[in-house]
N, C-alpha and C. Protein backbone atom coordinates (compact mmCIF):
# COMPACT_ATOMS: atom_id res chain seq x y z
N MET A 1 -71.47 85.14 187.82
CA MET A 1 -71.01 85.44 186.48
C MET A 1 -70.61 86.91 186.39
N GLN A 2 -69.49 87.14 185.77
CA GLN A 2 -68.97 88.49 185.66
C GLN A 2 -69.51 89.17 184.40
N ILE A 3 -70.02 90.39 184.53
CA ILE A 3 -70.63 91.10 183.40
C ILE A 3 -69.55 91.80 182.58
N THR A 4 -68.54 92.38 183.21
CA THR A 4 -67.43 93.03 182.48
C THR A 4 -66.11 92.55 183.05
N ASP A 5 -65.06 92.78 182.28
CA ASP A 5 -63.71 92.44 182.70
C ASP A 5 -62.84 93.63 182.34
N THR A 6 -61.63 93.65 182.81
CA THR A 6 -60.72 94.74 182.47
C THR A 6 -59.38 94.16 182.04
N ALA A 7 -58.63 94.95 181.31
CA ALA A 7 -57.27 94.59 180.90
C ALA A 7 -56.45 95.86 180.83
N LYS A 8 -55.16 95.71 180.98
CA LYS A 8 -54.22 96.84 180.83
C LYS A 8 -53.60 96.75 179.47
N VAL A 9 -53.56 97.89 178.75
CA VAL A 9 -52.95 97.95 177.44
C VAL A 9 -52.08 99.21 177.35
N HIS A 10 -51.09 99.15 176.49
CA HIS A 10 -50.26 100.32 176.20
C HIS A 10 -50.78 100.93 174.90
N CYS A 11 -50.96 102.24 174.88
CA CYS A 11 -51.39 102.94 173.68
C CYS A 11 -50.29 102.78 172.63
N PRO A 12 -50.65 102.40 171.40
CA PRO A 12 -49.64 102.25 170.36
C PRO A 12 -49.12 103.59 169.82
N TYR A 13 -49.71 104.70 170.24
CA TYR A 13 -49.25 106.02 169.83
C TYR A 13 -48.34 106.65 170.89
N CYS A 14 -48.84 106.75 172.13
CA CYS A 14 -48.09 107.47 173.17
C CYS A 14 -47.51 106.55 174.24
N ASP A 15 -47.80 105.26 174.16
CA ASP A 15 -47.30 104.22 175.07
C ASP A 15 -47.84 104.35 176.50
N ALA A 16 -48.87 105.14 176.70
CA ALA A 16 -49.48 105.26 178.05
C ALA A 16 -50.16 103.95 178.43
N LEU A 17 -49.94 103.51 179.64
CA LEU A 17 -50.60 102.31 180.16
C LEU A 17 -51.97 102.72 180.67
N GLN A 18 -53.00 101.99 180.26
CA GLN A 18 -54.35 102.31 180.67
C GLN A 18 -55.17 101.06 180.81
N THR A 19 -56.26 101.19 181.55
CA THR A 19 -57.15 100.06 181.77
C THR A 19 -58.35 100.22 180.84
N VAL A 20 -58.69 99.14 180.14
CA VAL A 20 -59.87 99.14 179.26
C VAL A 20 -60.87 98.16 179.82
N VAL A 21 -62.15 98.50 179.66
CA VAL A 21 -63.23 97.64 180.12
C VAL A 21 -63.64 96.74 178.96
N LEU A 22 -63.78 95.46 179.25
CA LEU A 22 -64.08 94.46 178.22
C LEU A 22 -65.41 93.78 178.50
N ASP A 23 -66.06 93.34 177.44
CA ASP A 23 -67.31 92.60 177.54
C ASP A 23 -67.02 91.13 177.24
N PRO A 24 -67.03 90.26 178.23
CA PRO A 24 -66.70 88.86 178.01
C PRO A 24 -67.82 88.02 177.37
N SER A 25 -68.92 88.66 176.98
CA SER A 25 -70.03 87.89 176.40
C SER A 25 -69.70 87.37 174.99
N GLU A 26 -68.73 87.99 174.32
CA GLU A 26 -68.29 87.54 172.99
C GLU A 26 -66.82 87.10 173.11
N PRO A 27 -66.48 85.86 172.72
CA PRO A 27 -65.12 85.38 172.89
C PRO A 27 -64.08 86.07 172.01
N GLU A 28 -64.48 86.62 170.87
CA GLU A 28 -63.56 87.34 169.98
C GLU A 28 -64.20 88.65 169.55
N GLN A 29 -63.43 89.75 169.68
CA GLN A 29 -63.95 91.06 169.37
C GLN A 29 -62.87 91.93 168.76
N GLU A 30 -63.29 92.92 167.98
CA GLU A 30 -62.38 93.96 167.53
C GLU A 30 -63.18 95.25 167.47
N TYR A 31 -62.65 96.28 168.12
CA TYR A 31 -63.35 97.56 168.12
C TYR A 31 -62.33 98.67 168.33
N THR A 32 -62.76 99.89 168.09
CA THR A 32 -61.90 101.07 168.24
C THR A 32 -62.28 101.83 169.51
N GLU A 33 -61.26 102.21 170.24
CA GLU A 33 -61.45 103.00 171.47
C GLU A 33 -60.36 104.06 171.50
N ASP A 34 -60.72 105.29 171.85
CA ASP A 34 -59.73 106.36 171.93
C ASP A 34 -58.86 106.20 173.15
N CYS A 35 -57.57 106.51 173.00
CA CYS A 35 -56.63 106.52 174.12
C CYS A 35 -57.11 107.55 175.13
N GLN A 36 -57.02 107.20 176.39
CA GLN A 36 -57.48 108.10 177.46
C GLN A 36 -56.50 109.25 177.68
N VAL A 37 -55.30 109.16 177.12
CA VAL A 37 -54.28 110.20 177.31
C VAL A 37 -54.14 111.09 176.07
N CYS A 38 -53.88 110.47 174.90
CA CYS A 38 -53.61 111.27 173.69
C CYS A 38 -54.79 111.33 172.74
N CYS A 39 -55.86 110.62 173.03
CA CYS A 39 -57.12 110.63 172.26
C CYS A 39 -57.00 110.04 170.85
N GLN A 40 -55.90 109.35 170.54
CA GLN A 40 -55.75 108.70 169.25
C GLN A 40 -56.59 107.42 169.23
N PRO A 41 -57.08 106.98 168.06
CA PRO A 41 -57.91 105.78 167.99
C PRO A 41 -57.07 104.50 168.02
N MET A 42 -57.28 103.70 169.05
CA MET A 42 -56.62 102.40 169.18
C MET A 42 -57.59 101.32 168.73
N VAL A 43 -57.12 100.39 167.90
CA VAL A 43 -57.95 99.26 167.51
C VAL A 43 -57.59 98.12 168.49
N LEU A 44 -58.58 97.69 169.25
CA LEU A 44 -58.37 96.63 170.23
C LEU A 44 -58.91 95.32 169.68
N THR A 45 -58.05 94.32 169.66
CA THR A 45 -58.44 92.96 169.29
C THR A 45 -58.45 92.17 170.58
N VAL A 46 -59.59 91.58 170.91
CA VAL A 46 -59.77 90.90 172.20
C VAL A 46 -60.14 89.43 171.96
N HIS A 47 -59.45 88.56 172.66
CA HIS A 47 -59.77 87.12 172.66
C HIS A 47 -59.88 86.70 174.11
N PHE A 48 -60.95 86.01 174.44
CA PHE A 48 -61.07 85.46 175.79
C PHE A 48 -60.64 84.01 175.73
N GLU A 49 -59.55 83.72 176.43
CA GLU A 49 -58.99 82.38 176.46
C GLU A 49 -59.74 81.54 177.47
N PRO A 50 -59.41 80.24 177.57
CA PRO A 50 -60.09 79.37 178.57
C PRO A 50 -60.05 80.05 179.95
N MET A 51 -61.07 79.80 180.70
CA MET A 51 -61.24 80.41 182.03
C MET A 51 -61.47 81.91 181.93
N HIS A 52 -61.90 82.38 180.73
CA HIS A 52 -62.27 83.77 180.48
C HIS A 52 -61.13 84.76 180.73
N THR A 53 -59.88 84.33 180.53
CA THR A 53 -58.75 85.23 180.66
C THR A 53 -58.65 86.05 179.37
N PRO A 54 -58.68 87.40 179.49
CA PRO A 54 -58.63 88.21 178.28
C PRO A 54 -57.23 88.37 177.74
N TYR A 55 -57.09 88.30 176.42
CA TYR A 55 -55.85 88.59 175.70
C TYR A 55 -56.17 89.75 174.79
N VAL A 56 -55.50 90.90 174.98
CA VAL A 56 -55.85 92.11 174.25
C VAL A 56 -54.62 92.64 173.51
N VAL A 57 -54.81 92.98 172.26
CA VAL A 57 -53.76 93.62 171.45
C VAL A 57 -54.27 94.98 171.02
N ALA A 58 -53.49 96.02 171.25
CA ALA A 58 -53.84 97.37 170.82
C ALA A 58 -52.93 97.76 169.65
N ARG A 59 -53.57 98.20 168.55
CA ARG A 59 -52.82 98.62 167.36
C ARG A 59 -53.23 100.02 166.94
N ARG A 60 -52.37 100.64 166.18
CA ARG A 60 -52.70 101.94 165.61
C ARG A 60 -53.78 101.74 164.56
N GLU A 61 -54.67 102.69 164.45
CA GLU A 61 -55.73 102.58 163.45
C GLU A 61 -55.18 102.51 162.03
N ASP A 62 -54.07 103.20 161.78
CA ASP A 62 -53.49 103.19 160.43
C ASP A 62 -52.66 101.92 160.16
N ASP A 63 -52.51 101.03 161.16
CA ASP A 63 -51.84 99.75 160.97
C ASP A 63 -52.83 98.64 160.62
N VAL A 64 -54.12 98.93 160.66
CA VAL A 64 -55.15 97.92 160.41
C VAL A 64 -55.52 98.00 158.93
N HIS A 65 -55.49 96.85 158.28
CA HIS A 65 -55.80 96.82 156.85
C HIS A 65 -57.08 96.05 156.64
N SER A 66 -57.86 96.47 155.65
CA SER A 66 -59.08 95.74 155.31
C SER A 66 -58.70 94.49 154.52
N PRO A 67 -59.60 93.50 154.53
CA PRO A 67 -59.33 92.30 153.74
C PRO A 67 -59.15 92.68 152.27
N GLY A 68 -58.16 92.10 151.65
CA GLY A 68 -57.89 92.36 150.25
C GLY A 68 -56.86 93.46 150.02
N ASP A 69 -56.39 94.12 151.08
CA ASP A 69 -55.37 95.16 150.94
C ASP A 69 -54.01 94.54 150.65
């Protein structure tokens, strides 16, 4: 059993390609991680599809709206 997984994402601010470490213990996650290049906060939405394949979307923090906005 694999404890962590990785995925490549493009920063939504500077477009730098980087590798993020993922925790496959939860099938759906959303958290904030700073870009390794420009240090801007990226909101990562992670879904683990069948066979534990990660699907990751990186968005700008100011593009994320709270429920009811």
